[in-house]
């Protein structure tokens, strides 16, 4: 955001943003509906690690967790 002309933009702790294609809307709805069940076997942190790896997102754990 700052590189695109919003110099006073800051993220709040504990939030992230992801874009989703309209063609995948139902898949996202289903995914959200199953979160409670999924997190019984997989922590949020492990799920996010898998997500980043699957989508080849470069990240640094020092800046993700509280």
Protein backbone atom coordinates (compact mmCIF):
# COMPACT_ATOMS: atom_id res chain seq x y z
CA UNK A 1 0.00 0.00 0.00
CA UNK A 2 2.76 2.45 0.88
CA UNK A 3 4.47 1.73 -2.45
CA UNK A 4 1.17 2.52 -4.18
CA UNK A 5 0.69 6.00 -2.74
CA UNK A 6 -0.77 5.39 0.73
CA UNK A 7 2.13 6.57 2.94
CA UNK A 8 0.30 6.35 6.29
CA UNK A 9 -0.95 2.78 5.81
CA UNK A 10 -0.24 0.33 8.68
CA UNK A 11 -1.44 -3.19 9.43
CA UNK A 12 -2.98 -3.93 12.80
CA UNK A 13 -1.46 -6.79 14.76
CA UNK A 14 -3.07 -10.13 13.99
CA UNK A 15 -4.54 -9.34 10.58
CA UNK A 16 -3.76 -10.31 7.00
CA UNK A 17 -5.43 -9.91 3.65
CA UNK A 18 -5.81 -12.27 0.73
CA UNK A 19 -7.62 -11.82 -2.54
CA UNK A 20 -9.99 -14.46 -3.89
CA UNK A 21 -11.28 -14.98 -7.40
CA UNK A 22 -15.06 -14.70 -7.78
CA UNK A 23 -14.97 -18.06 -9.55
CA UNK A 24 -13.75 -19.62 -6.28
CA UNK A 25 -16.39 -18.00 -4.07
CA UNK A 26 -18.18 -21.23 -3.13
CA UNK A 27 -14.89 -22.99 -2.41
CA UNK A 28 -13.96 -20.18 0.00
CA UNK A 29 -17.37 -20.34 1.70
CA UNK A 30 -16.97 -24.11 2.15
CA UNK A 31 -13.41 -23.67 3.42
CA UNK A 32 -14.49 -21.16 6.07
CA UNK A 33 -17.40 -23.35 7.15
CA UNK A 34 -14.98 -26.23 7.87
CA UNK A 35 -12.41 -24.22 9.85
CA UNK A 36 -13.47 -25.38 13.32
CA UNK A 37 -13.15 -29.04 12.29
CA UNK A 38 -9.87 -28.48 10.47
CA UNK A 39 -8.29 -26.70 13.45
CA UNK A 40 -8.93 -29.70 15.68
CA UNK A 41 -6.08 -31.47 13.82
CA UNK A 42 -4.06 -28.58 12.41
CA UNK A 43 -3.09 -25.34 14.15
CA UNK A 44 -3.69 -22.02 12.44
CA UNK A 45 0.08 -21.53 12.30
CA UNK A 46 0.62 -24.87 10.54
CA UNK A 47 -2.24 -24.16 8.15
CA UNK A 48 -0.75 -20.78 7.23
CA UNK A 49 2.68 -22.36 6.71
CA UNK A 50 1.12 -24.90 4.33
CA UNK A 51 -0.78 -22.15 2.52
CA UNK A 52 2.34 -20.06 2.00
CA UNK A 53 4.32 -23.08 0.80
CA UNK A 54 1.56 -24.22 -1.57
CA UNK A 55 1.30 -20.76 -3.14
CA UNK A 56 5.06 -20.07 -3.08
CA UNK A 57 4.70 -17.03 -0.83
CA UNK A 58 8.00 -15.78 0.58
CA UNK A 59 7.65 -14.86 4.25
CA UNK A 60 9.57 -14.63 7.48
CA UNK A 61 8.10 -16.15 10.64
CA UNK A 62 9.72 -13.41 12.75
CA UNK A 63 7.14 -10.99 11.36
CA UNK A 64 4.03 -13.19 11.40
CA UNK A 65 3.40 -14.47 14.93
CA UNK A 66 2.84 -12.43 18.09
